[in-house]
Protein backbone atom coordinates (compact mmCIF):
# COMPACT_ATOMS: atom_id res chain seq x y z
CA MET A 1 22.49 7.94 -16.20
CA ILE A 2 19.26 6.37 -15.06
CA GLU A 3 16.94 5.15 -17.85
CA GLY A 4 14.51 7.82 -18.87
CA MET A 5 16.50 10.72 -17.26
CA SER A 6 17.76 12.01 -20.63
CA LYS A 7 14.19 13.05 -21.51
CA ILE A 8 13.68 15.10 -18.37
CA ASP A 9 14.85 18.63 -17.60
CA LYS A 10 17.46 18.30 -14.82
CA ASN A 11 15.99 21.40 -13.18
CA ASP A 12 12.75 19.55 -12.58
CA VAL A 13 14.49 16.65 -10.78
CA LEU A 14 14.95 16.82 -6.99
CA LEU A 15 16.86 13.60 -6.29
CA GLU A 16 18.85 11.08 -8.33
CA VAL A 17 20.16 7.78 -6.94
CA SER A 18 22.44 5.59 -9.02
CA ASP A 19 23.58 1.98 -8.17
CA LEU A 20 23.11 2.46 -4.49
CA LYS A 21 24.53 -0.22 -2.25
CA LYS A 22 24.51 -0.83 1.53
CA TYR A 23 26.23 -3.93 2.86
CA PHE A 24 26.45 -4.98 6.51
CA PRO A 25 29.20 -7.29 7.77
CA ILE A 26 28.34 -10.67 9.44
CA GLN A 27 30.62 -11.21 12.47
CA SER A 28 30.99 -14.53 14.25
CA GLY A 29 33.10 -16.10 16.96
CA THR A 30 34.43 -14.72 20.23
CA LEU A 31 36.78 -12.41 18.22
CA ARG A 32 33.83 -11.09 16.14
CA ARG A 33 35.64 -11.83 12.92
CA ARG A 34 33.93 -11.02 9.67
CA SER A 35 32.45 -14.17 8.14
CA GLY A 36 30.20 -12.82 5.50
CA THR A 37 28.19 -9.86 4.19
CA VAL A 38 24.43 -9.03 4.10
CA LYS A 39 23.58 -7.06 1.00
CA ALA A 40 20.63 -5.08 2.37
CA VAL A 41 20.60 -2.72 -0.65
CA ASP A 42 22.23 -3.70 -3.88
CA GLY A 43 22.14 -1.62 -7.00
CA VAL A 44 19.10 0.65 -6.49
CA ASN A 45 18.45 3.30 -9.14
CA LEU A 46 15.74 5.96 -8.89
CA TYR A 47 14.94 9.61 -9.43
CA VAL A 48 12.30 11.88 -7.97
CA LYS A 49 10.97 15.02 -9.65
CA LYS A 50 9.92 18.19 -7.72
CA GLY A 51 6.44 17.79 -6.29
CA GLU A 52 6.40 14.08 -7.09
CA THR A 53 5.57 11.20 -4.73
CA LEU A 54 7.52 8.06 -5.37
CA GLY A 55 6.56 4.73 -3.64
CA LEU A 56 9.17 2.07 -2.87
CA VAL A 57 7.35 -1.26 -2.65
CA GLY A 58 8.58 -4.65 -1.42
CA GLU A 59 8.05 -7.42 1.05
CA SER A 60 9.04 -7.00 4.68
CA GLY A 61 12.81 -7.21 5.16
CA CYS A 62 13.65 -6.49 1.59
CA GLY A 63 15.60 -3.29 2.45
CA LYS A 64 13.13 -0.43 2.00
CA THR A 65 13.93 1.25 5.29
CA THR A 66 17.63 0.74 4.84
CA ALA A 67 17.48 2.29 1.35
CA GLY A 68 15.64 5.37 2.71
CA ARG A 69 18.06 5.80 5.61
CA THR A 70 21.05 5.36 3.34
CA ILE A 71 19.73 7.85 0.74
CA ILE A 72 19.26 10.51 3.48
CA LYS A 73 22.70 9.67 4.92
CA LEU A 74 21.54 8.32 8.30
CA LEU A 75 23.52 5.27 7.15
CA GLU A 76 26.69 5.59 5.17
CA PRO A 77 26.36 4.01 1.69
CA THR A 78 28.69 1.16 0.69
CA GLY A 79 28.66 2.34 -2.88
CA GLY A 80 26.71 4.29 -5.48
CA GLU A 81 25.81 7.92 -6.06
CA ILE A 82 23.19 10.09 -4.31
CA ARG A 83 22.65 13.50 -5.95
CA PHE A 84 20.34 16.10 -4.41
CA ASN A 85 19.18 19.36 -6.03
CA ASP A 86 19.52 21.69 -3.09
CA PRO A 87 17.70 25.08 -3.57
CA LYS A 88 20.74 27.07 -2.41
CA LEU A 89 23.71 24.86 -3.24
CA GLY A 90 22.41 23.30 -6.50
CA TRP A 91 23.33 19.73 -7.28
CA VAL A 92 25.40 18.08 -4.52
CA ASN A 93 26.73 14.55 -4.10
CA LEU A 94 25.50 13.42 -0.69
CA GLU A 95 27.57 10.23 -0.55
CA LYS A 96 30.81 12.36 -0.73
CA MET A 97 29.78 14.86 2.04
CA ASP A 98 30.92 14.46 5.61
CA ARG A 99 28.88 15.20 8.74
CA LYS A 100 29.90 18.84 8.87
CA GLN A 101 29.04 19.47 5.22
CA MET A 102 25.72 17.69 5.60
CA VAL A 103 24.60 20.44 8.08
CA ALA A 104 24.08 22.77 5.11
CA VAL A 105 21.57 20.52 3.37
CA ARG A 106 19.87 18.83 6.33
CA PRO A 107 17.09 21.52 6.63
CA ASN A 108 15.92 20.60 3.14
CA MET A 109 15.75 16.84 3.68
CA GLN A 110 13.88 15.05 6.47
CA ILE A 111 12.49 11.62 7.37
CA ILE A 112 9.28 10.50 9.15
CA PHE A 113 9.90 7.27 11.00
CA GLN A 114 7.55 4.28 10.88
CA ASP A 115 6.87 3.86 14.61
CA PRO A 116 5.40 6.92 16.34
CA PHE A 117 5.83 5.24 19.73
CA SER A 118 9.67 4.87 19.55
CA SER A 119 10.62 7.88 17.32
CA LEU A 120 9.76 10.47 20.05
CA ASP A 121 11.93 10.91 23.18
CA PRO A 122 9.67 10.10 26.17
CA ARG A 123 11.69 12.46 28.35
CA MET A 124 11.06 15.53 26.24
CA THR A 125 7.95 17.69 26.12
CA VAL A 126 6.16 18.32 22.87
CA LYS A 127 7.61 21.77 22.84
CA ARG A 128 11.20 20.48 23.18
CA ILE A 129 10.67 17.89 20.44
CA VAL A 130 9.31 20.33 17.90
CA ALA A 131 11.66 23.15 18.92
CA GLU A 132 14.85 21.14 18.76
CA PRO A 133 15.33 21.38 14.93
CA LEU A 134 14.39 25.03 14.97
CA GLU A 135 17.14 25.67 17.46
CA ILE A 136 19.71 23.43 15.77
CA ASN A 137 19.15 25.13 12.43
CA LYS A 138 19.09 28.59 14.07
CA ILE A 139 15.66 29.41 12.70
CA ALA A 140 14.13 30.88 15.88
CA THR A 141 14.88 31.62 19.56
CA GLY A 142 12.97 33.00 22.59
CA GLN A 143 9.36 33.98 22.14
CA GLU A 144 9.65 33.57 18.33
CA LEU A 145 10.62 29.89 18.94
CA THR A 146 7.50 29.31 21.12
CA ASP A 147 5.33 31.00 18.52
CA ARG A 148 6.76 28.82 15.66
CA VAL A 149 6.21 25.68 17.75
CA ALA A 150 2.58 26.68 18.24
CA GLU A 151 2.20 27.37 14.57
CA LEU A 152 3.60 23.98 13.53
CA LEU A 153 1.32 22.22 15.98
CA ARG A 154 -1.69 24.04 14.49
CA VAL A 155 -0.55 23.12 10.98
CA VAL A 156 -0.61 19.35 11.86
CA GLY A 157 -3.99 19.66 13.66
CA MET A 158 -2.69 19.74 17.30
CA ARG A 159 -3.50 22.33 19.94
CA PRO A 160 -0.70 24.66 21.10
CA GLU A 161 -1.76 23.94 24.72
CA TYR A 162 -0.26 20.49 24.27
CA MET A 163 3.26 21.93 24.22
CA SER A 164 3.88 21.09 27.91
CA ARG A 165 2.78 17.47 27.65
CA TYR A 166 4.91 14.39 27.12
CA PRO A 167 4.52 11.80 24.30
CA HIS A 168 2.92 9.17 26.50
CA ALA A 169 -0.16 11.37 26.86
CA PHE A 170 -1.09 11.05 23.16
CA SER A 171 -2.49 8.37 20.84
CA GLY A 172 -0.48 6.94 18.01
CA GLY A 173 -2.03 9.23 15.46
CA GLN A 174 -1.30 12.32 17.59
CA ARG A 175 2.29 11.14 18.14
CA GLN A 176 2.78 10.78 14.38
CA ARG A 177 1.42 14.36 13.93
CA ILE A 178 3.94 15.57 16.51
CA GLY A 179 6.72 13.76 14.64
CA ILE A 180 5.64 15.43 11.34
CA ALA A 181 5.61 18.84 13.03
CA ALA A 182 9.16 18.24 14.25
CA ARG A 183 10.28 17.35 10.71
CA TRP A 184 8.63 20.41 9.08
CA PRO A 185 10.30 23.50 10.73
CA SER A 186 12.14 24.60 7.57
CA THR A 187 9.66 23.33 5.00
CA PRO A 188 11.95 20.62 3.57
CA ARG A 189 12.08 20.08 -0.20
CA TRP A 190 12.48 16.33 0.22
CA MET A 191 10.75 14.07 2.75
CA ILE A 192 11.21 10.35 3.25
CA CYS A 193 8.22 8.65 4.81
CA ASP A 194 9.06 5.27 6.26
CA GLU A 195 5.57 3.64 6.27
CA PRO A 196 4.24 6.61 8.34
CA VAL A 197 0.75 5.14 8.82
CA SER A 198 1.44 1.40 9.10
CA ALA A 199 1.28 1.54 12.97
CA LEU A 200 -1.90 3.54 13.04
CA ASP A 201 -5.57 2.57 13.12
CA VAL A 202 -7.31 2.63 9.74
CA SER A 203 -9.48 5.57 10.80
CA ILE A 204 -6.36 7.71 11.55
CA GLN A 205 -4.33 6.64 8.48
CA ALA A 206 -6.46 8.70 6.06
CA GLN A 207 -6.07 11.78 8.27
CA VAL A 208 -2.26 11.48 8.36
CA LEU A 209 -2.05 10.88 4.62
CA LYS A 210 -4.29 13.88 3.95
CA LEU A 211 -2.04 15.95 6.25
CA LEU A 212 1.06 14.89 4.30
CA GLU A 213 -0.56 15.67 0.99
CA ASP A 214 -1.56 19.19 2.18
CA LEU A 215 1.97 19.88 3.46
CA GLN A 216 3.43 18.69 0.18
CA LYS A 217 1.30 21.22 -1.78
CA ASP A 218 2.62 23.99 0.50
CA CYS A 219 6.23 23.27 -0.28
């Protein structure tokens, strides 16, 4: 058990990560034989309580992004335990779940990527970007889908008329707002933010952080 966890009510905890590891093989030569290992994440322990914001701090290249993507199972962990307190399923071990089993918990865990310029598909309209998770999770279809997309855009401070536009038509701050709208269709219990404002102007950073704070209060 992580130090300090014994004093906390388990019902108040949302996420518990124990001894998390993510190693990448080093391949060399024409046959791409394994010649070593990069230990991107090695022995991370943490827990997050409901409604809490936890910051992971470190120098560039130390493994923060890899840790986040491994915790949310975008990358398969090399070792360790990832336990998530799902509102319907209760405590589940994410590191033991396969892709099909993860479908049940995905609506309650999302990630906002660092770069708003590369995280949105330039070939998709704003409506398609925001609607896609609603369709995948079977939350809405038809006119209800369009109405939900409009509602989500309003929540993040964007006009519903922007639905027919493409990502290249927006500024960095607006793109990040679109990305947040696309991650908020089911009001996730747990959100990983991978430096969500680092690529934005200082004047826009405060607006996006305030938006995330307001959305957190509504969860």
